[in-house]
């Protein structure tokens, strides 16, 4: 529920220790214009 609330309210992403994206929420995809598939695995 916390995750869902944050995801609806903010632009959220997670990366591994090297800075590679492991999670991108819908808001990140919307503002960047990239799909989740284009973001995951990229820096």
ModelCIF file with pLDDT and N, C-alpha, C, O atoms, coordinates in Angstrom:
data_MODEL
#
_entry.id   MODEL 
#
_entity.id                         1 
_entity.type                       polymer 
_entity.pdbx_number_of_molecules   1 
#
_entity_poly.entity_id                      1 
_entity_poly.type                           'polypeptide(L)' 
_entity_poly.nstd_linkage                   no 
_entity_poly.nstd_monomer                   no 
_entity_poly.pdbx_seq_one_letter_code       
;(UNK)(UNK)(UNK)(UNK)(UNK)(UNK)(UNK)(UNK)(UNK)(UNK)(UNK)(UNK)(UNK)(UNK)(UNK)(UNK)
(UNK)(UNK)(UNK)(UNK)(UNK)(UNK)(UNK)(UNK)(UNK)(UNK)(UNK)(UNK)(UNK)(UNK)(UNK)(UNK)
(UNK)(UNK)(UNK)(UNK)(UNK)(UNK)(UNK)(UNK)(UNK)(UNK)(UNK)
;
_entity_poly.pdbx_seq_one_letter_code_can   XXXXXXXXXXXXXXXXXXXXXXXXXXXXXXXXXXXXXXXXXXX 
_entity_poly.pdbx_strand_id                 A 
#
loop_
_entity_poly_seq.entity_id 
_entity_poly_seq.num 
_entity_poly_seq.mon_id 
_entity_poly_seq.hetero 
1 1  UNK n 
1 2  UNK n 
1 3  UNK n 
1 4  UNK n 
1 5  UNK n 
1 6  UNK n 
1 7  UNK n 
1 8  UNK n 
1 9  UNK n 
1 10 UNK n 
1 11 UNK n 
1 12 UNK n 
1 13 UNK n 
1 14 UNK n 
1 15 UNK n 
1 16 UNK n 
1 17 UNK n 
1 18 UNK n 
1 19 UNK n 
1 20 UNK n 
1 21 UNK n 
1 22 UNK n 
1 23 UNK n 
1 24 UNK n 
1 25 UNK n 
1 26 UNK n 
1 27 UNK n 
1 28 UNK n 
1 29 UNK n 
1 30 UNK n 
1 31 UNK n 
1 32 UNK n 
1 33 UNK n 
1 34 UNK n 
1 35 UNK n 
1 36 UNK n 
1 37 UNK n 
1 38 UNK n 
1 39 UNK n 
1 40 UNK n 
1 41 UNK n 
1 42 UNK n 
1 43 UNK n 
#
_struct_asym.id          A 
_struct_asym.entity_id   1 
#
loop_
_ma_qa_metric.id 
_ma_qa_metric.mode 
_ma_qa_metric.name 
_ma_qa_metric.software_group_id 
_ma_qa_metric.type 
1 global pLDDT . pLDDT 
2 local  pLDDT . pLDDT 
#
_ma_qa_metric_global.metric_id      1 
_ma_qa_metric_global.metric_value   92.53 
_ma_qa_metric_global.model_id       1 
_ma_qa_metric_global.ordinal_id     1 
#
loop_
_ma_qa_metric_local.label_asym_id 
_ma_qa_metric_local.label_comp_id 
_ma_qa_metric_local.label_seq_id 
_ma_qa_metric_local.metric_id 
_ma_qa_metric_local.metric_value 
_ma_qa_metric_local.model_id 
_ma_qa_metric_local.ordinal_id 
A UNK 1  2 78.00 1 1  
A UNK 2  2 77.00 1 2  
A UNK 3  2 77.00 1 3  
A UNK 4  2 80.00 1 4  
A UNK 5  2 78.00 1 5  
A UNK 6  2 79.00 1 6  
A UNK 7  2 79.00 1 7  
A UNK 8  2 78.00 1 8  
A UNK 9  2 78.00 1 9  
A UNK 10 2 93.00 1 10 
A UNK 11 2 95.00 1 11 
A UNK 12 2 96.00 1 12 
A UNK 13 2 97.00 1 13 
A UNK 14 2 97.00 1 14 
A UNK 15 2 97.00 1 15 
A UNK 16 2 97.00 1 16 
A UNK 17 2 96.00 1 17 
A UNK 18 2 94.00 1 18 
A UNK 19 2 94.00 1 19 
A UNK 20 2 97.00 1 20 
A UNK 21 2 98.00 1 21 
A UNK 22 2 97.00 1 22 
A UNK 23 2 96.00 1 23 
A UNK 24 2 96.00 1 24 
A UNK 25 2 95.00 1 25 
A UNK 26 2 94.00 1 26 
A UNK 27 2 95.00 1 27 
A UNK 28 2 97.00 1 28 
A UNK 29 2 97.00 1 29 
A UNK 30 2 96.00 1 30 
A UNK 31 2 96.00 1 31 
A UNK 32 2 97.00 1 32 
A UNK 33 2 97.00 1 33 
A UNK 34 2 98.00 1 34 
A UNK 35 2 97.00 1 35 
A UNK 36 2 96.00 1 36 
A UNK 37 2 97.00 1 37 
A UNK 38 2 97.00 1 38 
A UNK 39 2 98.00 1 39 
A UNK 40 2 98.00 1 40 
A UNK 41 2 98.00 1 41 
A UNK 42 2 97.00 1 42 
A UNK 43 2 95.00 1 43 
#
loop_
_atom_site.group_PDB 
_atom_site.id 
_atom_site.type_symbol 
_atom_site.label_atom_id 
_atom_site.label_alt_id 
_atom_site.label_comp_id 
_atom_site.label_asym_id 
_atom_site.label_entity_id 
_atom_site.label_seq_id 
_atom_site.pdbx_PDB_ins_code 
_atom_site.Cartn_x 
_atom_site.Cartn_y 
_atom_site.Cartn_z 
_atom_site.occupancy 
_atom_site.B_iso_or_equiv 
_atom_site.pdbx_formal_charge 
_atom_site.auth_seq_id 
_atom_site.auth_comp_id 
_atom_site.auth_asym_id 
_atom_site.auth_atom_id 
_atom_site.pdbx_PDB_model_num 
ATOM 1   N N  . UNK A 1 1  ? 0.829  -1.207 0.000   1.00 78.00 ? 1  UNK A N  1 
ATOM 2   C CA . UNK A 1 1  ? 0.000  0.000  0.000   1.00 78.00 ? 1  UNK A CA 1 
ATOM 3   C C  . UNK A 1 1  ? 0.865  1.260  0.000   1.00 78.00 ? 1  UNK A C  1 
ATOM 4   O O  . UNK A 1 1  ? 0.538  2.239  -0.670  1.00 78.00 ? 1  UNK A O  1 
ATOM 5   N N  . UNK A 1 2  ? 1.966  1.235  0.748   1.00 77.00 ? 2  UNK A N  1 
ATOM 6   C CA . UNK A 1 2  ? 2.889  2.382  0.742   1.00 77.00 ? 2  UNK A CA 1 
ATOM 7   C C  . UNK A 1 2  ? 3.456  2.584  -0.658  1.00 77.00 ? 2  UNK A C  1 
ATOM 8   O O  . UNK A 1 2  ? 3.481  3.702  -1.172  1.00 77.00 ? 2  UNK A O  1 
ATOM 9   N N  . UNK A 1 3  ? 3.911  1.494  -1.268  1.00 77.00 ? 3  UNK A N  1 
ATOM 10  C CA . UNK A 1 3  ? 4.487  1.552  -2.608  1.00 77.00 ? 3  UNK A CA 1 
ATOM 11  C C  . UNK A 1 3  ? 3.462  2.113  -3.587  1.00 77.00 ? 3  UNK A C  1 
ATOM 12  O O  . UNK A 1 3  ? 3.787  2.978  -4.401  1.00 77.00 ? 3  UNK A O  1 
ATOM 13  N N  . UNK A 1 4  ? 2.250  1.633  -3.512  1.00 80.00 ? 4  UNK A N  1 
ATOM 14  C CA . UNK A 1 4  ? 1.195  2.087  -4.404  1.00 80.00 ? 4  UNK A CA 1 
ATOM 15  C C  . UNK A 1 4  ? 0.920  3.576  -4.233  1.00 80.00 ? 4  UNK A C  1 
ATOM 16  O O  . UNK A 1 4  ? 0.722  4.289  -5.217  1.00 80.00 ? 4  UNK A O  1 
ATOM 17  N N  . UNK A 1 5  ? 0.906  4.043  -3.001  1.00 78.00 ? 5  UNK A N  1 
ATOM 18  C CA . UNK A 1 5  ? 0.679  5.464  -2.726  1.00 78.00 ? 5  UNK A CA 1 
ATOM 19  C C  . UNK A 1 5  ? 1.807  6.316  -3.289  1.00 78.00 ? 5  UNK A C  1 
ATOM 20  O O  . UNK A 1 5  ? 1.555  7.337  -3.928  1.00 78.00 ? 5  UNK A O  1 
ATOM 21  N N  . UNK A 1 6  ? 3.036  5.907  -3.058  1.00 79.00 ? 6  UNK A N  1 
ATOM 22  C CA . UNK A 1 6  ? 4.193  6.649  -3.561  1.00 79.00 ? 6  UNK A CA 1 
ATOM 23  C C  . UNK A 1 6  ? 4.197  6.633  -5.083  1.00 79.00 ? 6  UNK A C  1 
ATOM 24  O O  . UNK A 1 6  ? 4.446  7.663  -5.709  1.00 79.00 ? 6  UNK A O  1 
ATOM 25  N N  . UNK A 1 7  ? 3.924  5.473  -5.689  1.00 79.00 ? 7  UNK A N  1 
ATOM 26  C CA . UNK A 1 7  ? 3.927  5.359  -7.146  1.00 79.00 ? 7  UNK A CA 1 
ATOM 27  C C  . UNK A 1 7  ? 2.874  6.250  -7.809  1.00 79.00 ? 7  UNK A C  1 
ATOM 28  O O  . UNK A 1 7  ? 3.086  6.736  -8.920  1.00 79.00 ? 7  UNK A O  1 
ATOM 29  N N  . UNK A 1 8  ? 1.759  6.462  -7.146  1.00 78.00 ? 8  UNK A N  1 
ATOM 30  C CA . UNK A 1 8  ? 0.719  7.319  -7.712  1.00 78.00 ? 8  UNK A CA 1 
ATOM 31  C C  . UNK A 1 8  ? 1.035  8.797  -7.526  1.00 78.00 ? 8  UNK A C  1 
ATOM 32  O O  . UNK A 1 8  ? 0.477  9.642  -8.226  1.00 78.00 ? 8  UNK A O  1 
ATOM 33  N N  . UNK A 1 9  ? 1.918  9.115  -6.598  1.00 78.00 ? 9  UNK A N  1 
ATOM 34  C CA . UNK A 1 9  ? 2.162  10.512 -6.238  1.00 78.00 ? 9  UNK A CA 1 
ATOM 35  C C  . UNK A 1 9  ? 3.465  11.079 -6.770  1.00 78.00 ? 9  UNK A C  1 
ATOM 36  O O  . UNK A 1 9  ? 3.597  12.298 -6.886  1.00 78.00 ? 9  UNK A O  1 
ATOM 37  N N  . UNK A 1 10 ? 4.425  10.235 -7.097  1.00 93.00 ? 10 UNK A N  1 
ATOM 38  C CA . UNK A 1 10 ? 5.768  10.693 -7.440  1.00 93.00 ? 10 UNK A CA 1 
ATOM 39  C C  . UNK A 1 10 ? 6.331  9.931  -8.636  1.00 93.00 ? 10 UNK A C  1 
ATOM 40  O O  . UNK A 1 10 ? 5.784  8.915  -9.065  1.00 93.00 ? 10 UNK A O  1 
ATOM 41  N N  . UNK A 1 11 ? 7.433  10.446 -9.158  1.00 95.00 ? 11 UNK A N  1 
ATOM 42  C CA . UNK A 1 11 ? 8.219  9.779  -10.197 1.00 95.00 ? 11 UNK A CA 1 
ATOM 43  C C  . UNK A 1 11 ? 9.244  8.933  -9.444  1.00 95.00 ? 11 UNK A C  1 
ATOM 44  O O  . UNK A 1 11 ? 10.061 9.470  -8.696  1.00 95.00 ? 11 UNK A O  1 
ATOM 45  N N  . UNK A 1 12 ? 9.205  7.622  -9.639  1.00 96.00 ? 12 UNK A N  1 
ATOM 46  C CA . UNK A 1 12 ? 10.028 6.716  -8.838  1.00 96.00 ? 12 UNK A CA 1 
ATOM 47  C C  . UNK A 1 12 ? 10.835 5.780  -9.735  1.00 96.00 ? 12 UNK A C  1 
ATOM 48  O O  . UNK A 1 12 ? 10.345 5.268  -10.742 1.00 96.00 ? 12 UNK A O  1 
ATOM 49  N N  . UNK A 1 13 ? 12.086 5.577  -9.333  1.00 97.00 ? 13 UNK A N  1 
ATOM 50  C CA . UNK A 1 13 ? 12.899 4.544  -9.973  1.00 97.00 ? 13 UNK A CA 1 
ATOM 51  C C  . UNK A 1 13 ? 13.848 3.958  -8.941  1.00 97.00 ? 13 UNK A C  1 
ATOM 52  O O  . UNK A 1 13 ? 14.156 4.582  -7.925  1.00 97.00 ? 13 UNK A O  1 
ATOM 53  N N  . UNK A 1 14 ? 14.299 2.751  -9.224  1.00 97.00 ? 14 UNK A N  1 
ATOM 54  C CA . UNK A 1 14 ? 15.321 2.102  -8.408  1.00 97.00 ? 14 UNK A CA 1 
ATOM 55  C C  . UNK A 1 14 ? 16.420 1.642  -9.346  1.00 97.00 ? 14 UNK A C  1 
ATOM 56  O O  . UNK A 1 14 ? 16.173 1.299  -10.502 1.00 97.00 ? 14 UNK A O  1 
ATOM 57  N N  . UNK A 1 15 ? 17.651 1.642  -8.819  1.00 97.00 ? 15 UNK A N  1 
ATOM 58  C CA . UNK A 1 15 ? 18.782 1.126  -9.593  1.00 97.00 ? 15 UNK A CA 1 
ATOM 59  C C  . UNK A 1 15 ? 19.588 0.175  -8.732  1.00 97.00 ? 15 UNK A C  1 
ATOM 60  O O  . UNK A 1 15 ? 19.478 0.167  -7.506  1.00 97.00 ? 15 UNK A O  1 
ATOM 61  N N  . UNK A 1 16 ? 20.393 -0.620 -9.397  1.00 97.00 ? 16 UNK A N  1 
ATOM 62  C CA . UNK A 1 16 ? 21.343 -1.472 -8.681  1.00 97.00 ? 16 UNK A CA 1 
ATOM 63  C C  . UNK A 1 16 ? 22.521 -0.589 -8.243  1.00 97.00 ? 16 UNK A C  1 
ATOM 64  O O  . UNK A 1 16 ? 22.537 0.600  -8.560  1.00 97.00 ? 16 UNK A O  1 
ATOM 65  N N  . UNK A 1 17 ? 23.499 -1.138 -7.528  1.00 96.00 ? 17 UNK A N  1 
ATOM 66  C CA . UNK A 1 17 ? 24.625 -0.318 -7.039  1.00 96.00 ? 17 UNK A CA 1 
ATOM 67  C C  . UNK A 1 17 ? 25.440 0.349  -8.151  1.00 96.00 ? 17 UNK A C  1 
ATOM 68  O O  . UNK A 1 17 ? 26.155 1.317  -7.890  1.00 96.00 ? 17 UNK A O  1 
ATOM 69  N N  . UNK A 1 18 ? 25.344 -0.150 -9.372  1.00 94.00 ? 18 UNK A N  1 
ATOM 70  C CA . UNK A 1 18 ? 26.083 0.433  -10.495 1.00 94.00 ? 18 UNK A CA 1 
ATOM 71  C C  . UNK A 1 18 ? 25.276 1.489  -11.234 1.00 94.00 ? 18 UNK A C  1 
ATOM 72  O O  . UNK A 1 18 ? 25.764 2.085  -12.194 1.00 94.00 ? 18 UNK A O  1 
ATOM 73  N N  . UNK A 1 19 ? 24.038 1.726  -10.793 1.00 94.00 ? 19 UNK A N  1 
ATOM 74  C CA . UNK A 1 19 ? 23.209 2.752  -11.425 1.00 94.00 ? 19 UNK A CA 1 
ATOM 75  C C  . UNK A 1 19 ? 22.359 2.256  -12.577 1.00 94.00 ? 19 UNK A C  1 
ATOM 76  O O  . UNK A 1 19 ? 21.831 3.065  -13.340 1.00 94.00 ? 19 UNK A O  1 
ATOM 77  N N  . UNK A 1 20 ? 22.211 0.942  -12.724 1.00 97.00 ? 20 UNK A N  1 
ATOM 78  C CA . UNK A 1 20 ? 21.384 0.371  -13.781 1.00 97.00 ? 20 UNK A CA 1 
ATOM 79  C C  . UNK A 1 20 ? 19.942 0.288  -13.260 1.00 97.00 ? 20 UNK A C  1 
ATOM 80  O O  . UNK A 1 20 ? 19.698 -0.240 -12.175 1.00 97.00 ? 20 UNK A O  1 
ATOM 81  N N  . UNK A 1 21 ? 19.007 0.806  -14.033 1.00 98.00 ? 21 UNK A N  1 
ATOM 82  C CA . UNK A 1 21 ? 17.606 0.868  -13.610 1.00 98.00 ? 21 UNK A CA 1 
ATOM 83  C C  . UNK A 1 21 ? 17.022 -0.530 -13.477 1.00 98.00 ? 21 UNK A C  1 
ATOM 84  O O  . UNK A 1 21 ? 17.093 -1.344 -14.398 1.00 98.00 ? 21 UNK A O  1 
ATOM 85  N N  . UNK A 1 22 ? 16.441 -0.788 -12.305 1.00 97.00 ? 22 UNK A N  1 
ATOM 86  C CA . UNK A 1 22 ? 15.781 -2.069 -12.043 1.00 97.00 ? 22 UNK A CA 1 
ATOM 87  C C  . UNK A 1 22 ? 14.275 -1.909 -11.875 1.00 97.00 ? 22 UNK A C  1 
ATOM 88  O O  . UNK A 1 22 ? 13.530 -2.888 -11.920 1.00 97.00 ? 22 UNK A O  1 
ATOM 89  N N  . UNK A 1 23 ? 13.830 -0.660 -11.681 1.00 96.00 ? 23 UNK A N  1 
ATOM 90  C CA . UNK A 1 23 ? 12.402 -0.378 -11.516 1.00 96.00 ? 23 UNK A CA 1 
ATOM 91  C C  . UNK A 1 23 ? 12.119 1.034  -11.997 1.00 96.00 ? 23 UNK A C  1 
ATOM 92  O O  . UNK A 1 23 ? 12.872 1.960  -11.697 1.00 96.00 ? 23 UNK A O  1 
ATOM 93  N N  . UNK A 1 24 ? 11.046 1.199  -12.733 1.00 96.00 ? 24 UNK A N  1 
ATOM 94  C CA . UNK A 1 24 ? 10.581 2.515  -13.175 1.00 96.00 ? 24 UNK A CA 1 
ATOM 95  C C  . UNK A 1 24 ? 9.065  2.509  -13.104 1.00 96.00 ? 24 UNK A C  1 
ATOM 96  O O  . UNK A 1 24 ? 8.416  1.643  -13.690 1.00 96.00 ? 24 UNK A O  1 
ATOM 97  N N  . UNK A 1 25 ? 8.494  3.483  -12.381 1.00 95.00 ? 25 UNK A N  1 
ATOM 98  C CA . UNK A 1 25 ? 7.040  3.502  -12.274 1.00 95.00 ? 25 UNK A CA 1 
ATOM 99  C C  . UNK A 1 25 ? 6.418  4.189  -13.492 1.00 95.00 ? 25 UNK A C  1 
ATOM 100 O O  . UNK A 1 25 ? 7.126  4.722  -14.346 1.00 95.00 ? 25 UNK A O  1 
ATOM 101 N N  . UNK A 1 26 ? 5.092  4.169  -13.559 1.00 94.00 ? 26 UNK A N  1 
ATOM 102 C CA . UNK A 1 26 ? 4.375  4.753  -14.695 1.00 94.00 ? 26 UNK A CA 1 
ATOM 103 C C  . UNK A 1 26 ? 4.676  6.236  -14.864 1.00 94.00 ? 26 UNK A C  1 
ATOM 104 O O  . UNK A 1 26 ? 4.780  6.723  -15.990 1.00 94.00 ? 26 UNK A O  1 
ATOM 105 N N  . UNK A 1 27 ? 4.820  6.965  -13.746 1.00 95.00 ? 27 UNK A N  1 
ATOM 106 C CA . UNK A 1 27 ? 5.092  8.402  -13.822 1.00 95.00 ? 27 UNK A CA 1 
ATOM 107 C C  . UNK A 1 27 ? 6.454  8.676  -14.461 1.00 95.00 ? 27 UNK A C  1 
ATOM 108 O O  . UNK A 1 27 ? 6.602  9.643  -15.207 1.00 95.00 ? 27 UNK A O  1 
ATOM 109 N N  . UNK A 1 28 ? 7.443  7.837  -14.176 1.00 97.00 ? 28 UNK A N  1 
ATOM 110 C CA . UNK A 1 28 ? 8.755  7.994  -14.802 1.00 97.00 ? 28 UNK A CA 1 
ATOM 111 C C  . UNK A 1 28 ? 8.643  7.755  -16.307 1.00 97.00 ? 28 UNK A C  1 
ATOM 112 O O  . UNK A 1 28 ? 9.214  8.496  -17.107 1.00 97.00 ? 28 UNK A O  1 
ATOM 113 N N  . UNK A 1 29 ? 7.906  6.721  -16.679 1.00 97.00 ? 29 UNK A N  1 
ATOM 114 C CA . UNK A 1 29 ? 7.708  6.436  -18.102 1.00 97.00 ? 29 UNK A CA 1 
ATOM 115 C C  . UNK A 1 29 ? 6.988  7.596  -18.782 1.00 97.00 ? 29 UNK A C  1 
ATOM 116 O O  . UNK A 1 29 ? 7.343  7.993  -19.891 1.00 97.00 ? 29 UNK A O  1 
ATOM 117 N N  . UNK A 1 30 ? 5.981  8.130  -18.114 1.00 96.00 ? 30 UNK A N  1 
ATOM 118 C CA . UNK A 1 30 ? 5.201  9.218  -18.700 1.00 96.00 ? 30 UNK A CA 1 
ATOM 119 C C  . UNK A 1 30 ? 6.043  10.473 -18.915 1.00 96.00 ? 30 UNK A C  1 
ATOM 120 O O  . UNK A 1 30 ? 6.005  11.056 -19.999 1.00 96.00 ? 30 UNK A O  1 
ATOM 121 N N  . UNK A 1 31 ? 6.796  10.898 -17.915 1.00 96.00 ? 31 UNK A N  1 
ATOM 122 C CA . UNK A 1 31 ? 7.570  12.132 -18.048 1.00 96.00 ? 31 UNK A CA 1 
ATOM 123 C C  . UNK A 1 31 ? 8.743  11.976 -19.007 1.00 96.00 ? 31 UNK A C  1 
ATOM 124 O O  . UNK A 1 31 ? 9.100  12.930 -19.698 1.00 96.00 ? 31 UNK A O  1 
ATOM 125 N N  . UNK A 1 32 ? 9.348  10.795 -19.062 1.00 97.00 ? 32 UNK A N  1 
ATOM 126 C CA . UNK A 1 32 ? 10.527 10.603 -19.911 1.00 97.00 ? 32 UNK A CA 1 
ATOM 127 C C  . UNK A 1 32 ? 10.172 10.253 -21.350 1.00 97.00 ? 32 UNK A C  1 
ATOM 128 O O  . UNK A 1 32 ? 10.968 10.477 -22.262 1.00 97.00 ? 32 UNK A O  1 
ATOM 129 N N  . UNK A 1 33 ? 8.974  9.704  -21.554 1.00 97.00 ? 33 UNK A N  1 
ATOM 130 C CA . UNK A 1 33 ? 8.587  9.270  -22.890 1.00 97.00 ? 33 UNK A CA 1 
ATOM 131 C C  . UNK A 1 33 ? 9.106  7.892  -23.258 1.00 97.00 ? 33 UNK A C  1 
ATOM 132 O O  . UNK A 1 33 ? 8.861  7.410  -24.365 1.00 97.00 ? 33 UNK A O  1 
ATOM 133 N N  . UNK A 1 34 ? 9.823  7.251  -22.337 1.00 98.00 ? 34 UNK A N  1 
ATOM 134 C CA . UNK A 1 34 ? 10.336 5.904  -22.573 1.00 98.00 ? 34 UNK A CA 1 
ATOM 135 C C  . UNK A 1 34 ? 9.389  4.880  -21.966 1.00 98.00 ? 34 UNK A C  1 
ATOM 136 O O  . UNK A 1 34 ? 8.749  5.147  -20.949 1.00 98.00 ? 34 UNK A O  1 
ATOM 137 N N  . UNK A 1 35 ? 9.299  3.721  -22.581 1.00 97.00 ? 35 UNK A N  1 
ATOM 138 C CA . UNK A 1 35 ? 8.531  2.619  -22.004 1.00 97.00 ? 35 UNK A CA 1 
ATOM 139 C C  . UNK A 1 35 ? 9.352  2.001  -20.869 1.00 97.00 ? 35 UNK A C  1 
ATOM 140 O O  . UNK A 1 35 ? 10.561 2.211  -20.776 1.00 97.00 ? 35 UNK A O  1 
ATOM 141 N N  . UNK A 1 36 ? 8.696  1.260  -20.039 1.00 96.00 ? 36 UNK A N  1 
ATOM 142 C CA . UNK A 1 36 ? 9.384  0.558  -18.953 1.00 96.00 ? 36 UNK A CA 1 
ATOM 143 C C  . UNK A 1 36 ? 10.454 -0.379 -19.525 1.00 96.00 ? 36 UNK A C  1 
ATOM 144 O O  . UNK A 1 36 ? 11.547 -0.498 -18.971 1.00 96.00 ? 36 UNK A O  1 
ATOM 145 N N  . UNK A 1 37 ? 10.129 -1.035 -20.629 1.00 97.00 ? 37 UNK A N  1 
ATOM 146 C CA . UNK A 1 37 ? 11.065 -1.957 -21.266 1.00 97.00 ? 37 UNK A CA 1 
ATOM 147 C C  . UNK A 1 37 ? 12.311 -1.238 -21.763 1.00 97.00 ? 37 UNK A C  1 
ATOM 148 O O  . UNK A 1 37 ? 13.404 -1.805 -21.746 1.00 97.00 ? 37 UNK A O  1 
ATOM 149 N N  . UNK A 1 38 ? 12.155 0.016  -22.210 1.00 97.00 ? 38 UNK A N  1 
ATOM 150 C CA . UNK A 1 38 ? 13.306 0.789  -22.681 1.00 97.00 ? 38 UNK A CA 1 
ATOM 151 C C  . UNK A 1 38 ? 14.176 1.279  -21.528 1.00 97.00 ? 38 UNK A C  1 
ATOM 152 O O  . UNK A 1 38 ? 15.368 1.525  -21.710 1.00 97.00 ? 38 UNK A O  1 
ATOM 153 N N  . UNK A 1 39 ? 13.580 1.421  -20.334 1.00 98.00 ? 39 UNK A N  1 
ATOM 154 C CA . UNK A 1 39 ? 14.317 1.939  -19.177 1.00 98.00 ? 39 UNK A CA 1 
ATOM 155 C C  . UNK A 1 39 ? 15.023 0.851  -18.373 1.00 98.00 ? 39 UNK A C  1 
ATOM 156 O O  . UNK A 1 39 ? 16.180 1.014  -17.988 1.00 98.00 ? 39 UNK A O  1 
ATOM 157 N N  . UNK A 1 40 ? 14.331 -0.253 -18.121 1.00 98.00 ? 40 UNK A N  1 
ATOM 158 C CA . UNK A 1 40 ? 14.893 -1.323 -17.291 1.00 98.00 ? 40 UNK A CA 1 
ATOM 159 C C  . UNK A 1 40 ? 16.146 -1.877 -17.971 1.00 98.00 ? 40 UNK A C  1 
ATOM 160 O O  . UNK A 1 40 ? 16.138 -2.212 -19.155 1.00 98.00 ? 40 UNK A O  1 
ATOM 161 N N  . UNK A 1 41 ? 17.218 -1.963 -17.188 1.00 98.00 ? 41 UNK A N  1 
ATOM 162 C CA . UNK A 1 41 ? 18.475 -2.479 -17.709 1.00 98.00 ? 41 UNK A CA 1 
ATOM 163 C C  . UNK A 1 41 ? 19.394 -1.402 -18.275 1.00 98.00 ? 41 UNK A C  1 
ATOM 164 O O  . UNK A 1 41 ? 20.521 -1.690 -18.676 1.00 98.00 ? 41 UNK A O  1 
ATOM 165 N N  . UNK A 1 42 ? 18.910 -0.160 -18.306 1.00 97.00 ? 42 UNK A N  1 
ATOM 166 C CA . UNK A 1 42 ? 19.719 0.956  -18.796 1.00 97.00 ? 42 UNK A CA 1 
ATOM 167 C C  . UNK A 1 42 ? 20.131 1.830  -17.614 1.00 97.00 ? 42 UNK A C  1 
ATOM 168 O O  . UNK A 1 42 ? 19.554 1.735  -16.530 1.00 97.00 ? 42 UNK A O  1 
ATOM 169 N N  . UNK A 1 43 ? 21.106 2.658  -17.826 1.00 95.00 ? 43 UNK A N  1 
ATOM 170 C CA . UNK A 1 43 ? 21.523 3.608  -16.801 1.00 95.00 ? 43 UNK A CA 1 
ATOM 171 C C  . UNK A 1 43 ? 20.645 4.852  -16.896 1.00 95.00 ? 43 UNK A C  1 
ATOM 172 O O  . UNK A 1 43 ? 20.821 5.792  -16.121 1.00 95.00 ? 43 UNK A O  1 
#
